Amino acid sequence: MSESVNPQLRPEMAMLPTYKAGKKVDSVNGLTAYKLSSNEIAHSPLPSVVAAIVDAASEINRYPDPFTTRLNQSLSEKFSISTEHIATGTGSVGVCQQIIQAVAGDGDEVIYAWRSFEAYPIITTIAGAVSVQVPLTNDGQHDLTAMLDAITSKTRVIFVCTPNNPTGGIVTQQKLNEFLAKVPKDILVVIDEAYVEFNRDKDAIDGIATMKANSNVGVLRTFSKAYGLAGLRVGYFIGPKNVADAVRKTAVPFGVSNIAQVAAVASLEHESELFQRVDEVIEERRWFESELAKLGFKIPPSQANFVWIPMGERTEEFTKRSEGIAVSIRPFPGEGVRISIGEHLALERVIELAKEFVF
């Protein structure tokens, strides 16, 4: 190829971070390898959901329903709200990108806590908007007072991730109500509840009820976590009609496959069986937290399907050592590690390793 001037890119691309997906590790010394780095459910899909997927596979020569009609109707019935308030997309991250594209443009500001979901700064930059990152409190919680102080005339959307990824903490309903009372009504507040099904804190937010009570609140949820459909990419937004309509417009046409739509509907139909698995994950999380506490670790209480261990400067060492026991975890260099609640044997290995890292 002859030398020539390279095509120009947007200058923001040079600074755009790459989303870091959880990695797998190889088997070591005959040990079975486990992946605890992506907050996936370790259980295999329900046979009833797999059967629905198999049936749907015979139609992959056809485009899927671009309006996700059956899924929207199922969500409408579940939450007792009109389908006009619902928009779907390729996982909650896809819907999150649709939301920002719908409400924020060049120079507009997007507020969120940090550290929080690492896709926020990426999709904000892609939209041409400006990230306003508000540090978490020392105990890993949202600093809602500081988030209020960060609001300017350019603020278009605020994300409140609860339970927060990667620290696992929640925002209480009382604190959110006080926060919403002070947020201007022309600013959209999105409650990101990707892990809500794992929450058992009675003081936590009821996102759907909060959305119904406020004209500028939306809720973001996913089928990737509790419903076990991470590989099919289905997420949804429930919020004000005008915002939901705009979020549908910014969606990639035919983005949610027919297989994904069918699987999501089947999962809703078998929700009680799926949530038995969620209860098992919660019990395992409580055990894991208690074992870490016995070792002397001070970890923020988690209401998600993962646990955050502050490791500071030893984060990368701990992560490297975890590869040696054939367990992958998610490091945040200089800060800590996020460990998904997966197979019990894998968590036992992590506990044994953690004994060598007690401060």
Protein backbone atom coordinates (compact mmCIF):
# COMPACT_ATOMS: atom_id res chain seq x y z
CA MET A 1 0.00 0.00 0.00
CA SER A 2 1.37 3.38 -0.97
CA GLU A 3 2.05 5.93 1.74
CA SER A 4 -0.55 8.65 2.09
CA VAL A 5 -2.10 10.92 4.64
CA ASN A 6 -4.16 8.90 7.09
CA PRO A 7 -7.89 9.55 7.38
CA GLN A 8 -8.61 12.01 10.16
CA LEU A 9 -10.32 10.87 13.34
CA ARG A 10 -12.13 12.84 15.98
CA PRO A 11 -9.49 14.11 18.43
CA GLU A 12 -11.43 12.56 21.33
CA MET A 13 -10.60 9.09 19.99
CA ALA A 14 -6.97 9.45 21.05
CA MET A 15 -8.04 9.69 24.69
CA LEU A 16 -10.93 7.24 24.54
CA PRO A 17 -10.34 4.32 26.91
CA THR A 18 -11.11 0.81 25.78
CA TYR A 19 -13.76 -1.08 27.70
CA LYS A 20 -12.03 -3.78 29.74
CA ALA A 21 -14.05 -6.96 29.70
CA GLY A 22 -13.41 -9.65 32.27
CA LYS A 23 -10.71 -12.08 31.18
CA LYS A 24 -10.58 -15.85 31.34
CA VAL A 25 -7.59 -17.69 32.71
CA ASP A 26 -6.06 -21.01 31.76
CA SER A 27 -6.03 -24.14 33.85
CA VAL A 28 -2.99 -24.30 36.14
CA ASN A 29 -1.45 -27.52 37.44
CA GLY A 30 -4.61 -29.44 36.61
CA LEU A 31 -6.87 -26.98 38.43
CA THR A 32 -10.19 -26.22 36.75
CA ALA A 33 -10.21 -22.60 35.61
CA TYR A 34 -12.96 -20.28 36.85
CA LYS A 35 -14.01 -16.86 35.63
CA LEU A 36 -15.07 -14.44 38.39
CA SER A 37 -14.30 -11.29 36.43
CA SER A 38 -17.50 -10.43 34.54
CA ASN A 39 -20.38 -10.57 37.07
CA GLU A 40 -22.03 -13.40 35.16
CA ILE A 41 -24.36 -15.96 36.69
CA ALA A 42 -22.50 -19.26 36.90
CA HIS A 43 -25.67 -21.35 36.48
CA SER A 44 -26.49 -22.71 33.03
CA PRO A 45 -29.65 -21.32 31.39
CA LEU A 46 -32.97 -22.83 32.41
CA PRO A 47 -34.00 -25.74 30.13
CA SER A 48 -37.26 -23.91 29.38
CA VAL A 49 -35.35 -20.84 28.21
CA VAL A 50 -32.97 -22.94 26.13
CA ALA A 51 -35.97 -24.64 24.50
CA ALA A 52 -37.40 -21.25 23.55
CA ILE A 53 -34.03 -20.22 22.11
CA VAL A 54 -33.81 -23.41 20.04
CA ASP A 55 -37.28 -22.81 18.59
CA ALA A 56 -36.40 -19.21 17.76
CA ALA A 57 -33.19 -20.26 16.01
CA SER A 58 -35.21 -21.61 13.07
CA GLU A 59 -36.12 -18.00 12.17
CA ILE A 60 -32.66 -16.44 12.07
CA ASN A 61 -33.06 -15.92 8.32
CA ARG A 62 -35.61 -13.23 9.19
CA TYR A 63 -35.06 -9.81 10.72
CA PRO A 64 -36.21 -9.52 14.33
CA ASP A 65 -39.12 -7.36 15.43
CA PRO A 66 -37.53 -3.87 15.54
CA PHE A 67 -40.09 -2.76 18.13
CA THR A 68 -39.53 -5.72 20.52
CA THR A 69 -43.32 -5.85 20.80
CA ARG A 70 -43.75 -9.04 22.83
CA LEU A 71 -40.94 -8.15 25.22
CA ASN A 72 -42.27 -4.63 25.74
CA GLN A 73 -45.72 -6.05 26.47
CA SER A 74 -44.27 -8.47 29.02
CA LEU A 75 -42.38 -5.65 30.73
CA SER A 76 -45.50 -3.50 30.62
CA GLU A 77 -47.44 -6.18 32.48
CA LYS A 78 -44.63 -6.81 34.97
CA PHE A 79 -44.30 -3.16 35.97
CA SER A 80 -47.89 -2.00 35.32
CA ILE A 81 -46.84 0.74 32.95
CA SER A 82 -47.65 1.62 29.34
CA THR A 83 -45.30 0.37 26.65
CA GLU A 84 -44.88 4.01 25.60
CA HIS A 85 -42.54 4.34 28.59
CA ILE A 86 -40.32 1.40 27.53
CA ALA A 87 -37.28 1.25 25.23
CA THR A 88 -34.97 -1.70 24.67
CA GLY A 89 -31.45 -2.19 23.40
CA THR A 90 -28.37 -4.40 23.35
CA GLY A 91 -27.83 -4.83 27.06
CA SER A 92 -27.98 -2.04 29.60
CA VAL A 93 -24.73 -0.62 28.21
CA GLY A 94 -26.33 -0.34 24.76
CA VAL A 95 -29.38 1.37 26.21
CA CYS A 96 -27.15 3.62 28.28
CA GLN A 97 -25.46 4.78 25.09
CA GLN A 98 -28.85 5.37 23.48
CA ILE A 99 -29.90 7.51 26.46
CA ILE A 100 -26.83 9.73 26.31
CA GLN A 101 -27.13 10.13 22.55
CA ALA A 102 -30.78 11.12 23.01
CA VAL A 103 -30.22 13.82 25.63
CA ALA A 104 -26.60 15.03 25.45
CA GLY A 105 -24.60 16.47 22.60
CA ASP A 106 -21.38 18.34 21.98
CA GLY A 107 -20.26 20.08 25.18
CA ASP A 108 -23.19 18.92 27.31
CA GLU A 109 -22.36 17.37 30.66
CA VAL A 110 -23.05 13.89 32.04
CA ILE A 111 -22.66 13.46 35.79
CA TYR A 112 -21.94 10.14 37.47
CA ALA A 113 -20.09 8.81 40.50
CA TRP A 114 -16.55 7.54 40.17
CA ARG A 115 -15.58 4.91 40.46
CA SER A 116 -18.70 3.45 38.87
CA PHE A 117 -19.67 1.60 35.68
CA GLU A 118 -16.65 2.01 33.45
CA ALA A 119 -18.70 2.35 30.26
CA TYR A 120 -20.03 5.75 31.38
CA PRO A 121 -16.95 7.78 30.36
CA ILE A 122 -16.58 5.84 27.11
CA ILE A 123 -20.11 6.36 25.82
CA THR A 124 -20.18 9.94 27.07
CA THR A 125 -17.10 10.73 24.99
CA ILE A 126 -18.52 8.94 21.96
CA ALA A 127 -21.58 11.19 22.13
CA GLY A 128 -19.34 14.27 22.20
CA ALA A 129 -20.45 15.12 25.72
CA VAL A 130 -18.31 15.87 28.77
CA SER A 131 -17.93 13.53 31.74
CA VAL A 132 -18.28 15.03 35.21
CA GLN A 133 -16.98 12.42 37.61
CA VAL A 134 -17.88 12.84 41.27
CA PRO A 135 -15.68 10.77 43.62
CA LEU A 136 -17.32 8.18 45.82
CA THR A 137 -17.17 8.67 49.57
CA ASN A 138 -14.41 6.95 51.52
CA ASP A 139 -16.72 3.99 52.15
CA GLY A 140 -17.53 3.55 48.46
CA GLN A 141 -20.91 5.27 48.38
CA HIS A 142 -22.41 7.90 46.08
CA ASP A 143 -21.78 11.44 47.32
CA LEU A 144 -25.14 12.90 46.34
CA THR A 145 -24.36 16.28 47.88
CA ALA A 146 -21.26 16.63 45.73
CA MET A 147 -23.24 15.46 42.69
CA LEU A 148 -25.75 18.25 43.30
CA ASP A 149 -22.89 20.74 43.55
CA ALA A 150 -21.58 19.50 40.20
CA ILE A 151 -24.77 20.47 38.33
CA THR A 152 -24.39 23.34 35.85
CA SER A 153 -26.45 24.84 33.06
CA LYS A 154 -24.83 22.27 30.75
CA THR A 155 -25.89 19.21 32.75
CA ARG A 156 -28.24 16.97 30.75
CA VAL A 157 -28.23 13.62 32.55
CA ILE A 158 -27.14 12.19 35.90
CA PHE A 159 -26.51 8.47 36.40
CA VAL A 160 -27.04 6.92 39.82
CA CYS A 161 -25.71 3.35 39.76
CA THR A 162 -27.27 1.36 42.58
CA PRO A 163 -26.08 -1.20 43.52
CA ASN A 164 -22.91 0.45 42.35
CA ASN A 165 -20.51 -1.37 40.04
CA PRO A 166 -17.80 -2.16 41.18
CA THR A 167 -18.20 -1.34 44.90
CA GLY A 168 -21.63 -2.95 45.44
CA GLY A 169 -23.14 -0.25 47.67
CA ILE A 170 -26.66 1.14 47.36
CA VAL A 171 -28.30 4.56 47.54
CA THR A 172 -31.17 4.67 50.00
CA GLN A 173 -34.65 5.80 49.00
CA GLN A 174 -34.60 8.64 51.52
CA LYS A 175 -31.33 10.06 50.26
CA LEU A 176 -32.43 9.76 46.63
CA ASN A 177 -35.72 11.52 47.38
CA GLU A 178 -33.83 14.40 49.00
CA PHE A 179 -31.51 14.49 45.98
CA LEU A 180 -34.32 14.50 43.42
CA ALA A 181 -36.09 17.33 45.23
CA LYS A 182 -33.11 19.56 44.41
CA VAL A 183 -32.31 18.42 40.86
CA PRO A 184 -33.81 20.72 38.18
CA LYS A 185 -36.71 19.00 36.43
CA ASP A 186 -35.21 19.50 32.98
CA ILE A 187 -32.30 17.18 33.87
CA LEU A 188 -32.80 13.46 33.39
CA VAL A 189 -31.81 11.27 36.33
CA VAL A 190 -31.20 7.63 35.36
CA ILE A 191 -31.23 5.01 38.10
CA ASP A 192 -28.96 2.28 36.80
CA GLU A 193 -30.27 -0.91 38.41
CA ALA A 194 -28.36 -3.59 36.53
CA TYR A 195 -27.94 -5.53 39.78
CA VAL A 196 -31.19 -4.69 41.52
CA GLU A 197 -32.41 -8.29 41.76
CA PHE A 198 -29.50 -9.10 44.10
CA ASN A 199 -30.39 -6.33 46.56
CA ARG A 200 -31.81 -7.23 49.96
CA ASP A 201 -31.41 -3.88 51.72
CA LYS A 202 -34.88 -2.71 52.74
CA ASP A 203 -33.81 0.94 52.57
CA ALA A 204 -32.67 0.71 48.95
CA ILE A 205 -34.33 2.52 46.07
CA ASP A 206 -37.48 1.25 44.43
CA GLY A 207 -36.52 2.46 40.98
CA ILE A 208 -39.83 1.85 39.23
CA ALA A 209 -41.88 3.54 41.97
CA THR A 210 -39.44 6.45 41.98
CA MET A 211 -39.74 6.79 38.20
CA LYS A 212 -43.55 6.84 38.42
CA ALA A 213 -43.42 9.57 41.07
CA ASN A 214 -40.99 11.87 39.20
CA SER A 215 -41.27 13.36 35.73
CA ASN A 216 -37.50 13.44 35.13
CA VAL A 217 -36.47 9.97 36.34
CA GLY A 218 -35.77 6.86 34.27
CA VAL A 219 -34.68 3.34 35.20
CA LEU A 220 -32.07 1.24 33.39
CA ARG A 221 -32.12 -2.56 33.76
CA THR A 222 -30.75 -5.66 32.08
CA PHE A 223 -31.36 -9.35 31.45
CA SER A 224 -27.61 -10.05 31.55
CA LYS A 225 -27.17 -10.59 35.27
CA ALA A 226 -29.96 -12.15 37.34
CA TYR A 227 -31.71 -13.56 34.26
CA GLY A 228 -28.53 -15.17 32.94
CA LEU A 229 -28.71 -13.83 29.37
CA ALA A 230 -25.37 -11.99 29.27
CA GLY A 231 -24.50 -13.53 25.90
CA LEU A 232 -27.72 -12.41 24.23
CA ARG A 233 -27.55 -8.67 25.02
CA VAL A 234 -30.95 -7.42 26.17
CA GLY A 235 -31.45 -4.32 28.29
CA TYR A 236 -34.25 -1.83 28.76
CA PHE A 237 -35.14 1.68 29.89
CA ILE A 238 -38.36 2.70 31.59
CA GLY A 239 -38.94 6.43 31.89
CA PRO A 240 -40.74 9.52 30.65
CA LYS A 241 -42.57 8.97 27.34
CA ASN A 242 -40.63 11.60 25.43
CA VAL A 243 -37.29 10.18 26.61
CA ALA A 244 -38.30 6.58 25.91
CA ASP A 245 -39.36 7.61 22.42
CA ALA A 246 -35.98 9.29 21.82
CA VAL A 247 -34.12 6.26 23.20
CA ARG A 248 -35.97 4.05 20.73
CA LYS A 249 -34.91 6.38 17.92
CA THR A 250 -31.23 6.16 18.83
CA ALA A 251 -31.25 2.35 18.92
CA VAL A 252 -29.35 0.35 16.31
CA PRO A 253 -32.04 -1.02 13.95
CA PHE A 254 -32.74 -4.71 14.65
CA GLY A 255 -30.14 -4.63 17.43
CA VAL A 256 -31.98 -7.01 19.77
CA SER A 257 -32.15 -10.33 17.95
CA ASN A 258 -35.28 -12.45 17.81
CA ILE A 259 -33.48 -15.12 19.87
CA ALA A 260 -32.69 -12.52 22.53
CA GLN A 261 -36.27 -11.24 22.58
CA VAL A 262 -37.73 -14.74 22.88
CA ALA A 263 -35.26 -15.67 25.63
CA ALA A 264 -36.08 -12.52 27.61
CA VAL A 265 -39.83 -13.18 27.42
CA ALA A 266 -39.31 -16.81 28.46
CA SER A 267 -37.13 -15.66 31.37
CA LEU A 268 -39.88 -13.36 32.60
CA GLU A 269 -42.34 -16.24 32.38
CA HIS A 270 -40.03 -18.41 34.54
CA GLU A 271 -38.89 -15.61 36.83
CA SER A 272 -39.65 -17.42 40.10
CA GLU A 273 -37.36 -20.30 39.12
CA LEU A 274 -34.60 -17.94 38.07
CA PHE A 275 -34.88 -15.97 41.28
CA GLN A 276 -34.29 -19.12 43.31
CA ARG A 277 -30.86 -19.05 41.75
CA VAL A 278 -30.50 -15.41 42.70
CA ASP A 279 -31.21 -16.36 46.32
CA GLU A 280 -28.42 -18.93 46.10
CA VAL A 281 -26.02 -16.28 44.82
CA ILE A 282 -26.96 -13.98 47.70
CA GLU A 283 -26.32 -16.70 50.27
CA GLU A 284 -22.95 -17.38 48.68
CA ARG A 285 -22.15 -13.65 48.70
CA ARG A 286 -22.92 -13.42 52.40
CA TRP A 287 -20.69 -16.40 53.12
CA PHE A 288 -17.85 -14.91 51.06
CA GLU A 289 -18.16 -11.53 52.77
CA SER A 290 -18.15 -13.15 56.21
CA GLU A 291 -15.02 -15.18 55.40
CA LEU A 292 -13.21 -12.06 54.22
CA ALA A 293 -14.33 -10.21 57.36
CA LYS A 294 -12.93 -13.03 59.52
CA LEU A 295 -9.57 -12.47 57.86
CA GLY A 296 -9.72 -8.79 58.78
CA PHE A 297 -10.65 -7.24 55.44
CA LYS A 298 -12.80 -4.12 55.66
CA ILE A 299 -15.04 -4.40 52.62
CA PRO A 300 -18.09 -2.31 51.71
CA PRO A 301 -21.32 -4.34 52.06
CA SER A 302 -22.44 -5.55 48.64
CA GLN A 303 -26.00 -5.78 47.35
CA ALA A 304 -24.88 -7.11 43.96
CA ASN A 305 -23.53 -10.41 42.65
CA PHE A 306 -19.95 -9.40 43.36
CA VAL A 307 -17.76 -8.21 46.21
CA TRP A 308 -15.26 -5.35 46.19
CA ILE A 309 -11.97 -5.77 48.05
CA PRO A 310 -9.89 -2.59 48.43
CA MET A 311 -6.33 -3.66 47.70
CA GLY A 312 -4.64 -0.36 46.90
CA GLU A 313 -1.13 -0.77 45.55
CA ARG A 314 -1.30 -4.57 45.96
CA THR A 315 -4.17 -4.90 43.47
CA GLU A 316 -2.07 -6.05 40.54
CA GLU A 317 -0.07 -8.48 42.68
CA PHE A 318 -3.28 -10.05 43.99
CA THR A 319 -4.65 -10.32 40.45
CA LYS A 320 -1.50 -11.95 39.15
CA ARG A 321 -1.51 -14.41 42.03
CA SER A 322 -5.15 -15.27 41.34
CA GLU A 323 -4.12 -16.40 37.85
CA GLY A 324 -1.83 -18.87 39.57
CA ILE A 325 -4.84 -20.52 41.21
CA ALA A 326 -6.75 -20.56 37.90
CA VAL A 327 -9.28 -17.92 38.95
CA SER A 328 -9.82 -14.68 36.99
CA ILE A 329 -10.94 -11.56 38.85
CA ARG A 330 -11.41 -7.96 37.76
CA PRO A 331 -8.65 -5.59 38.86
CA PHE A 332 -8.83 -1.82 39.08
CA PRO A 333 -5.13 -0.97 39.38
CA GLY A 334 -4.20 1.02 42.46
CA GLU A 335 -7.71 0.66 43.90
CA GLY A 336 -8.99 -2.85 44.39
CA VAL A 337 -10.49 -5.99 42.88
CA ARG A 338 -14.05 -6.94 42.04
CA ILE A 339 -14.84 -10.61 42.49
CA SER A 340 -18.02 -12.07 41.03
CA ILE A 341 -19.96 -14.57 43.10
CA GLY A 342 -19.51 -17.75 41.12
CA GLU A 343 -18.59 -21.34 41.85
CA HIS A 344 -17.98 -22.11 45.54
CA LEU A 345 -14.67 -23.86 44.87
CA ALA A 346 -13.36 -20.77 43.08
CA LEU A 347 -14.35 -18.53 45.99
CA GLU A 348 -12.64 -20.91 48.42
CA ARG A 349 -9.43 -20.56 46.41
CA VAL A 350 -9.73 -16.76 46.58
CA ILE A 351 -10.18 -16.92 50.35
CA GLU A 352 -7.03 -18.99 50.72
CA LEU A 353 -5.11 -16.51 48.56
CA ALA A 354 -6.53 -13.54 50.47
CA LYS A 355 -5.01 -14.86 53.70
CA GLU A 356 -1.64 -13.79 52.32
CA PHE A 357 -2.84 -10.24 51.65
CA VAL A 358 -4.35 -9.22 54.97
CA PHE A 359 -3.05 -5.78 55.87
